[in-house]
Amino acid sequence: MADKAHRVPDATREVVMRRIFVVDDDLHARLAIGKWLKQRGFRGAITDGGESGLAALNEGTFDLMIVDVFMPNMRGFESIRYFTATRRPSR
């Protein structure tokens, strides 16, 4: 008998849409990530840097952050520390 912890999830189950928070200073990266996420039914905010990311973070809650760690001004790791310290709990 197979252990329940190792079962593959039923592919027919509806996946709950998750809110994704993307911060990247590269326009092409933002466009590609945004298109990929939208095609797969995700929603969220895509911002161009640490400061605009802070503004978006204050406007909503997110389940996942994708952050460019090599950005000018506010660096990615600095952004992540600040975002996680100031974020509101999700749902």
N, C-alpha and C. Protein backbone atom coordinates (compact mmCIF):
# COMPACT_ATOMS: atom_id res chain seq x y z
N MET A 1 0.85 -1.18 0.00
CA MET A 1 0.00 0.00 0.00
C MET A 1 0.89 1.24 0.00
N ALA A 2 0.60 2.20 -0.87
CA ALA A 2 1.41 3.41 -1.00
C ALA A 2 1.18 4.35 0.17
N ASP A 3 2.24 4.96 0.61
CA ASP A 3 2.17 5.95 1.68
C ASP A 3 1.49 7.20 1.14
N LYS A 4 0.50 7.72 1.84
CA LYS A 4 -0.25 8.90 1.40
C LYS A 4 0.64 10.12 1.21
N ALA A 5 1.71 10.23 1.96
CA ALA A 5 2.60 11.39 1.85
C ALA A 5 3.33 11.43 0.51
N HIS A 6 3.40 10.29 -0.19
CA HIS A 6 4.12 10.24 -1.45
C HIS A 6 3.22 10.19 -2.67
N ARG A 7 1.93 10.36 -2.49
CA ARG A 7 1.00 10.34 -3.61
C ARG A 7 1.13 11.61 -4.44
N VAL A 8 0.94 11.45 -5.73
CA VAL A 8 0.92 12.60 -6.64
C VAL A 8 -0.46 13.22 -6.55
N PRO A 9 -0.55 14.55 -6.42
CA PRO A 9 -1.87 15.19 -6.33
C PRO A 9 -2.71 14.93 -7.58
N ASP A 10 -4.01 14.86 -7.40
CA ASP A 10 -4.94 14.65 -8.50
C ASP A 10 -4.89 15.86 -9.43
N ALA A 11 -4.53 15.64 -10.69
CA ALA A 11 -4.38 16.73 -11.66
C ALA A 11 -5.71 17.39 -12.01
N THR A 12 -6.83 16.74 -11.70
CA THR A 12 -8.13 17.30 -12.05
C THR A 12 -8.64 18.27 -10.99
N ARG A 13 -7.98 18.33 -9.86
CA ARG A 13 -8.41 19.27 -8.80
C ARG A 13 -8.12 20.70 -9.22
N GLU A 14 -9.00 21.59 -8.83
CA GLU A 14 -8.81 23.00 -9.14
C GLU A 14 -7.69 23.57 -8.26
N VAL A 15 -6.78 24.28 -8.88
CA VAL A 15 -5.69 24.91 -8.15
C VAL A 15 -6.14 26.29 -7.71
N VAL A 16 -5.91 26.62 -6.46
CA VAL A 16 -6.27 27.93 -5.95
C VAL A 16 -5.33 28.96 -6.56
N MET A 17 -5.89 30.04 -7.10
CA MET A 17 -5.07 31.07 -7.71
C MET A 17 -4.26 31.78 -6.62
N ARG A 18 -2.99 31.91 -6.82
CA ARG A 18 -2.10 32.55 -5.86
C ARG A 18 -1.68 33.91 -6.36
N ARG A 19 -1.48 34.81 -5.43
CA ARG A 19 -1.02 36.16 -5.76
C ARG A 19 0.50 36.19 -5.68
N ILE A 20 1.12 36.60 -6.79
CA ILE A 20 2.56 36.62 -6.92
C ILE A 20 3.04 38.07 -6.95
N PHE A 21 4.08 38.35 -6.22
CA PHE A 21 4.67 39.69 -6.14
C PHE A 21 6.04 39.63 -6.81
N VAL A 22 6.20 40.35 -7.94
CA VAL A 22 7.43 40.33 -8.72
C VAL A 22 8.09 41.70 -8.67
N VAL A 23 9.39 41.72 -8.36
CA VAL A 23 10.16 42.96 -8.36
C VAL A 23 11.40 42.73 -9.23
N ASP A 24 11.50 43.48 -10.33
CA ASP A 24 12.65 43.36 -11.23
C ASP A 24 12.83 44.68 -11.97
N ASP A 25 14.05 45.18 -12.04
CA ASP A 25 14.29 46.44 -12.73
C ASP A 25 14.38 46.28 -14.24
N ASP A 26 14.47 45.05 -14.74
CA ASP A 26 14.61 44.79 -16.17
C ASP A 26 13.23 44.67 -16.82
N LEU A 27 12.92 45.56 -17.76
CA LEU A 27 11.62 45.58 -18.42
C LEU A 27 11.30 44.25 -19.09
N HIS A 28 12.26 43.70 -19.81
CA HIS A 28 12.02 42.45 -20.53
C HIS A 28 11.75 41.29 -19.57
N ALA A 29 12.44 41.25 -18.46
CA ALA A 29 12.19 40.21 -17.46
C ALA A 29 10.78 40.36 -16.89
N ARG A 30 10.39 41.60 -16.58
CA ARG A 30 9.04 41.82 -16.05
C ARG A 30 7.97 41.39 -17.04
N LEU A 31 8.16 41.74 -18.31
CA LEU A 31 7.17 41.37 -19.33
C LEU A 31 7.08 39.86 -19.49
N ALA A 32 8.23 39.19 -19.53
CA ALA A 32 8.24 37.73 -19.70
C ALA A 32 7.62 37.03 -18.50
N ILE A 33 8.00 37.45 -17.31
CA ILE A 33 7.45 36.83 -16.09
C ILE A 33 5.96 37.09 -16.00
N GLY A 34 5.55 38.32 -16.28
CA GLY A 34 4.14 38.67 -16.23
C GLY A 34 3.30 37.86 -17.21
N LYS A 35 3.79 37.70 -18.42
CA LYS A 35 3.08 36.91 -19.43
C LYS A 35 2.98 35.45 -19.00
N TRP A 36 4.07 34.89 -18.51
CA TRP A 36 4.10 33.50 -18.09
C TRP A 36 3.11 33.26 -16.95
N LEU A 37 3.13 34.16 -15.96
CA LEU A 37 2.22 34.01 -14.81
C LEU A 37 0.76 34.14 -15.24
N LYS A 38 0.46 35.13 -16.09
CA LYS A 38 -0.91 35.35 -16.53
C LYS A 38 -1.43 34.15 -17.32
N GLN A 39 -0.61 33.57 -18.19
CA GLN A 39 -1.02 32.41 -18.97
C GLN A 39 -1.35 31.22 -18.08
N ARG A 40 -0.79 31.19 -16.90
CA ARG A 40 -1.03 30.07 -15.99
C ARG A 40 -2.05 30.39 -14.91
N GLY A 41 -2.72 31.55 -15.04
CA GLY A 41 -3.80 31.89 -14.14
C GLY A 41 -3.41 32.55 -12.84
N PHE A 42 -2.15 32.97 -12.72
CA PHE A 42 -1.73 33.67 -11.51
C PHE A 42 -2.07 35.15 -11.63
N ARG A 43 -2.14 35.82 -10.51
CA ARG A 43 -2.35 37.26 -10.49
C ARG A 43 -1.43 37.87 -9.45
N GLY A 44 -1.33 39.18 -9.45
CA GLY A 44 -0.47 39.82 -8.47
C GLY A 44 0.01 41.17 -8.94
N ALA A 45 1.21 41.53 -8.52
CA ALA A 45 1.79 42.83 -8.86
C ALA A 45 3.19 42.62 -9.41
N ILE A 46 3.50 43.39 -10.45
CA ILE A 46 4.84 43.36 -11.03
C ILE A 46 5.36 44.78 -11.00
N THR A 47 6.48 44.99 -10.30
CA THR A 47 7.02 46.33 -10.12
C THR A 47 8.45 46.41 -10.63
N ASP A 48 8.93 47.64 -10.81
CA ASP A 48 10.23 47.84 -11.44
C ASP A 48 11.38 48.12 -10.48
N GLY A 49 11.14 48.04 -9.21
CA GLY A 49 12.23 48.29 -8.28
C GLY A 49 11.77 48.26 -6.84
N GLY A 50 12.71 48.37 -5.94
CA GLY A 50 12.43 48.28 -4.52
C GLY A 50 11.40 49.28 -4.02
N GLU A 51 11.53 50.54 -4.45
CA GLU A 51 10.62 51.57 -3.94
C GLU A 51 9.18 51.35 -4.42
N SER A 52 9.01 51.03 -5.72
CA SER A 52 7.65 50.78 -6.22
C SER A 52 7.12 49.46 -5.65
N GLY A 53 8.03 48.55 -5.35
CA GLY A 53 7.63 47.31 -4.71
C GLY A 53 7.05 47.56 -3.33
N LEU A 54 7.66 48.48 -2.60
CA LEU A 54 7.16 48.82 -1.28
C LEU A 54 5.74 49.38 -1.37
N ALA A 55 5.51 50.22 -2.38
CA ALA A 55 4.18 50.80 -2.57
C ALA A 55 3.16 49.70 -2.89
N ALA A 56 3.52 48.76 -3.78
CA ALA A 56 2.62 47.67 -4.14
C ALA A 56 2.35 46.76 -2.95
N LEU A 57 3.36 46.55 -2.14
CA LEU A 57 3.22 45.69 -0.97
C LEU A 57 2.22 46.28 0.01
N ASN A 58 2.18 47.59 0.12
CA ASN A 58 1.24 48.25 1.02
C ASN A 58 -0.19 48.17 0.52
N GLU A 59 -0.37 47.87 -0.78
CA GLU A 59 -1.71 47.82 -1.38
C GLU A 59 -2.32 46.44 -1.38
N GLY A 60 -1.56 45.40 -1.08
CA GLY A 60 -2.12 44.06 -1.14
C GLY A 60 -1.30 43.04 -0.38
N THR A 61 -1.78 41.80 -0.39
CA THR A 61 -1.05 40.70 0.23
C THR A 61 -0.67 39.71 -0.87
N PHE A 62 0.41 38.99 -0.65
CA PHE A 62 0.94 38.09 -1.66
C PHE A 62 1.35 36.77 -1.03
N ASP A 63 1.28 35.72 -1.84
CA ASP A 63 1.65 34.38 -1.38
C ASP A 63 3.10 34.04 -1.71
N LEU A 64 3.66 34.71 -2.72
CA LEU A 64 5.01 34.41 -3.17
C LEU A 64 5.66 35.68 -3.70
N MET A 65 6.96 35.84 -3.42
CA MET A 65 7.73 36.96 -3.96
C MET A 65 8.80 36.43 -4.89
N ILE A 66 8.92 37.07 -6.07
CA ILE A 66 10.02 36.81 -6.99
C ILE A 66 10.76 38.13 -7.10
N VAL A 67 11.99 38.18 -6.59
CA VAL A 67 12.72 39.45 -6.49
C VAL A 67 14.09 39.33 -7.14
N ASP A 68 14.38 40.27 -8.03
CA ASP A 68 15.71 40.38 -8.64
C ASP A 68 16.66 40.85 -7.54
N VAL A 69 17.73 40.11 -7.30
CA VAL A 69 18.65 40.49 -6.23
C VAL A 69 19.72 41.48 -6.69
N PHE A 70 19.83 41.73 -7.99
CA PHE A 70 20.82 42.68 -8.51
C PHE A 70 20.13 43.90 -9.11
N MET A 71 19.57 44.74 -8.25
CA MET A 71 18.89 45.96 -8.70
C MET A 71 19.64 47.18 -8.17
N PRO A 72 19.57 48.28 -8.91
CA PRO A 72 20.16 49.52 -8.39
C PRO A 72 19.29 50.07 -7.26
N ASN A 73 19.78 51.04 -6.56
CA ASN A 73 19.06 51.66 -5.44
C ASN A 73 18.86 50.67 -4.31
N MET A 74 17.67 50.12 -4.18
CA MET A 74 17.40 49.15 -3.12
C MET A 74 17.71 47.76 -3.66
N ARG A 75 18.71 47.11 -3.14
CA ARG A 75 19.13 45.78 -3.59
C ARG A 75 18.07 44.73 -3.26
N GLY A 76 18.09 43.65 -4.00
CA GLY A 76 17.09 42.61 -3.84
C GLY A 76 17.02 42.01 -2.45
N PHE A 77 18.18 41.64 -1.88
CA PHE A 77 18.16 41.05 -0.54
C PHE A 77 17.68 42.07 0.50
N GLU A 78 18.07 43.31 0.33
CA GLU A 78 17.59 44.38 1.22
C GLU A 78 16.07 44.50 1.09
N SER A 79 15.57 44.44 -0.14
CA SER A 79 14.13 44.51 -0.38
C SER A 79 13.41 43.36 0.30
N ILE A 80 13.93 42.15 0.13
CA ILE A 80 13.29 40.98 0.72
C ILE A 80 13.21 41.10 2.23
N ARG A 81 14.30 41.52 2.86
CA ARG A 81 14.28 41.70 4.32
C ARG A 81 13.23 42.71 4.73
N TYR A 82 13.17 43.83 4.02
CA TYR A 82 12.21 44.87 4.36
C TYR A 82 10.78 44.39 4.09
N PHE A 83 10.55 43.76 2.93
CA PHE A 83 9.20 43.30 2.58
C PHE A 83 8.68 42.31 3.61
N THR A 84 9.51 41.36 4.01
CA THR A 84 9.05 40.35 4.96
C THR A 84 8.86 40.93 6.37
N ALA A 85 9.63 41.94 6.71
CA ALA A 85 9.49 42.56 8.03
C ALA A 85 8.23 43.43 8.12
N THR A 86 7.79 43.98 7.00
CA THR A 86 6.68 44.92 7.03
C THR A 86 5.39 44.37 6.42
N ARG A 87 5.42 43.16 5.90
CA ARG A 87 4.23 42.64 5.20
C ARG A 87 3.12 42.30 6.16
N ARG A 88 1.90 42.38 5.62
CA ARG A 88 0.72 41.95 6.36
C ARG A 88 0.52 40.47 6.12
N PRO A 89 0.01 39.73 7.10
CA PRO A 89 -0.25 38.30 6.88
C PRO A 89 -1.23 38.10 5.72
N SER A 90 -0.99 37.08 4.92
CA SER A 90 -1.86 36.75 3.79
C SER A 90 -3.09 36.01 4.28
N ARG A 91 -4.24 36.48 3.90
CA ARG A 91 -5.56 35.90 4.23
C ARG A 91 -5.57 35.35 5.60
